[in-house]
Amino acid sequence: MNLARIRQAKRLSQEEVADRAGLHRTEISLMELGKRTPRIDTIFRVMGALDVGPAEAFEGASWAPYAEKPGGYVKLEGRTQS
């Protein structure tokens, strides 16, 4: 998810997004850093807080198979997120 890019473009702080989504600011920070993989309901809460749909939220995301563990990985803007 392009959380940091979208949040910054809308000139919102992590705390503002967290408040709107009913989450803690550190949760937003960890998601932006790729250190937390959110559940689908959390993703929808954050998309609602940012007023964006799935197309914008996941623009540039791709999936590729990963042999060492099932499910694959998501690659966003040159980063690998497990």
C-alpha atoms as a PDB file:
ATOM      1  CA  MET A   1       0.000   0.000   0.000  1.00  0.00           C
ATOM      2  CA  ASN A   2       1.265   3.475  -0.848  1.00  0.00           C
ATOM      3  CA  LEU A   3       0.407   4.759   2.620  1.00  0.00           C
ATOM      4  CA  ALA A   4       3.233   7.266   3.194  1.00  0.00           C
ATOM      5  CA  ARG A   5       3.038   8.752  -0.315  1.00  0.00           C
ATOM      6  CA  ILE A   6      -0.733   9.234  -0.153  1.00  0.00           C
ATOM      7  CA  ARG A   7      -0.663  10.528   3.434  1.00  0.00           C
ATOM      8  CA  GLN A   8       2.022  13.096   2.608  1.00  0.00           C
ATOM      9  CA  ALA A   9       0.251  14.193  -0.587  1.00  0.00           C
ATOM     10  CA  LYS A  10      -2.879  14.863   1.474  1.00  0.00           C
ATOM     11  CA  ARG A  11      -0.763  16.723   4.057  1.00  0.00           C
ATOM     12  CA  LEU A  12      -1.886  14.506   6.912  1.00  0.00           C
ATOM     13  CA  SER A  13       0.205  13.448   9.880  1.00  0.00           C
ATOM     14  CA  GLN A  14       0.483   9.820  10.932  1.00  0.00           C
ATOM     15  CA  GLU A  15      -1.526  10.741  14.013  1.00  0.00           C
ATOM     16  CA  GLU A  16      -4.345  12.256  11.928  1.00  0.00           C
ATOM     17  CA  VAL A  17      -4.591   9.132   9.766  1.00  0.00           C
ATOM     18  CA  ALA A  18      -4.476   6.924  12.852  1.00  0.00           C
ATOM     19  CA  ASP A  19      -7.254   8.910  14.545  1.00  0.00           C
ATOM     20  CA  ARG A  20      -9.449   8.743  11.448  1.00  0.00           C
ATOM     21  CA  ALA A  21      -8.856   4.981  11.120  1.00  0.00           C
ATOM     22  CA  GLY A  22      -9.225   4.232  14.827  1.00  0.00           C
ATOM     23  CA  LEU A  23      -5.627   3.020  15.113  1.00  0.00           C
ATOM     24  CA  HIS A  24      -2.543   4.007  17.089  1.00  0.00           C
ATOM     25  CA  ARG A  25       0.029   6.249  15.400  1.00  0.00           C
ATOM     26  CA  THR A  26       2.737   3.620  15.799  1.00  0.00           C
ATOM     27  CA  GLU A  27       0.613   1.193  13.763  1.00  0.00           C
ATOM     28  CA  ILE A  28       0.614   3.663  10.854  1.00  0.00           C
ATOM     29  CA  SER A  29       4.363   4.186  11.250  1.00  0.00           C
ATOM     30  CA  LEU A  30       5.081   0.444  11.216  1.00  0.00           C
ATOM     31  CA  MET A  31       2.917  -0.053   8.123  1.00  0.00           C
ATOM     32  CA  GLU A  32       4.705   2.791   6.317  1.00  0.00           C
ATOM     33  CA  LEU A  33       8.085   1.250   7.156  1.00  0.00           C
ATOM     34  CA  GLY A  34       6.989  -2.175   5.944  1.00  0.00           C
ATOM     35  CA  LYS A  35       7.437  -3.643   9.420  1.00  0.00           C
ATOM     36  CA  ARG A  36       3.771  -4.495   9.910  1.00  0.00           C
ATOM     37  CA  THR A  37       1.531  -6.414   7.551  1.00  0.00           C
ATOM     38  CA  PRO A  38      -2.009  -5.199   8.246  1.00  0.00           C
ATOM     39  CA  ARG A  39      -5.128  -7.352   8.117  1.00  0.00           C
ATOM     40  CA  ILE A  40      -7.558  -6.651   5.288  1.00  0.00           C
ATOM     41  CA  ASP A  41     -10.001  -4.846   7.599  1.00  0.00           C
ATOM     42  CA  THR A  42      -7.182  -2.555   8.741  1.00  0.00           C
ATOM     43  CA  ILE A  43      -6.290  -1.818   5.122  1.00  0.00           C
ATOM     44  CA  PHE A  44      -9.889  -0.787   4.443  1.00  0.00           C
ATOM     45  CA  ARG A  45      -9.955   1.396   7.565  1.00  0.00           C
ATOM     46  CA  VAL A  46      -6.782   3.176   6.427  1.00  0.00           C
ATOM     47  CA  MET A  47      -8.101   3.577   2.867  1.00  0.00           C
ATOM     48  CA  GLY A  48     -11.251   5.122   4.331  1.00  0.00           C
ATOM     49  CA  ALA A  49      -9.195   7.446   6.531  1.00  0.00           C
ATOM     50  CA  LEU A  50      -7.255   8.574   3.456  1.00  0.00           C
ATOM     51  CA  ASP A  51     -10.369   8.693   1.256  1.00  0.00           C
ATOM     52  CA  VAL A  52      -8.809   6.507  -1.455  1.00  0.00           C
ATOM     53  CA  GLY A  53      -9.917   3.382  -3.258  1.00  0.00           C
ATOM     54  CA  PRO A  54      -7.978   0.165  -3.847  1.00  0.00           C
ATOM     55  CA  ALA A  55      -6.673   1.268  -7.272  1.00  0.00           C
ATOM     56  CA  GLU A  56      -4.885   4.290  -5.812  1.00  0.00           C
ATOM     57  CA  ALA A  57      -3.857   2.557  -2.589  1.00  0.00           C
ATOM     58  CA  PHE A  58      -2.156  -0.310  -4.414  1.00  0.00           C
ATOM     59  CA  GLU A  59      -0.906   1.464  -7.530  1.00  0.00           C
ATOM     60  CA  GLY A  60       2.461  -0.017  -8.474  1.00  0.00           C
ATOM     61  CA  ALA A  61       2.099  -3.140  -6.308  1.00  0.00           C
ATOM     62  CA  SER A  62       2.894  -6.502  -7.841  1.00  0.00           C
ATOM     63  CA  TRP A  63       2.963 -10.120  -6.723  1.00  0.00           C
ATOM     64  CA  ALA A  64       5.606 -12.691  -7.536  1.00  0.00           C
ATOM     65  CA  PRO A  65       6.052 -16.271  -6.301  1.00  0.00           C
ATOM     66  CA  TYR A  66       8.567 -16.790  -3.541  1.00  0.00           C
ATOM     67  CA  ALA A  67       9.938 -20.314  -3.307  1.00  0.00           C
ATOM     68  CA  GLU A  68      10.963 -20.237   0.363  1.00  0.00           C
ATOM     69  CA  LYS A  69       7.499 -19.629   1.757  1.00  0.00           C
ATOM     70  CA  PRO A  70       3.963 -19.951   0.415  1.00  0.00           C
ATOM     71  CA  GLY A  71       1.964 -16.939  -0.657  1.00  0.00           C
ATOM     72  CA  GLY A  72       4.588 -14.826  -2.343  1.00  0.00           C
ATOM     73  CA  TYR A  73       5.571 -11.283  -1.578  1.00  0.00           C
ATOM     74  CA  VAL A  74       4.444  -7.792  -2.464  1.00  0.00           C
ATOM     75  CA  LYS A  75       6.874  -5.398  -4.078  1.00  0.00           C
ATOM     76  CA  LEU A  76       6.174  -1.680  -3.678  1.00  0.00           C
ATOM     77  CA  GLU A  77       8.360   1.045  -5.158  1.00  0.00           C
ATOM     78  CA  GLY A  78      11.513  -1.084  -5.158  1.00  0.00           C
ATOM     79  CA  ARG A  79      11.008  -2.469  -1.645  1.00  0.00           C
ATOM     80  CA  THR A  80      10.162  -6.057  -0.757  1.00  0.00           C
ATOM     81  CA  GLN A  81       7.529  -6.393   1.918  1.00  0.00           C
ATOM     82  CA  SER A  82       6.951  -9.828   3.466  1.00  0.00           C
END
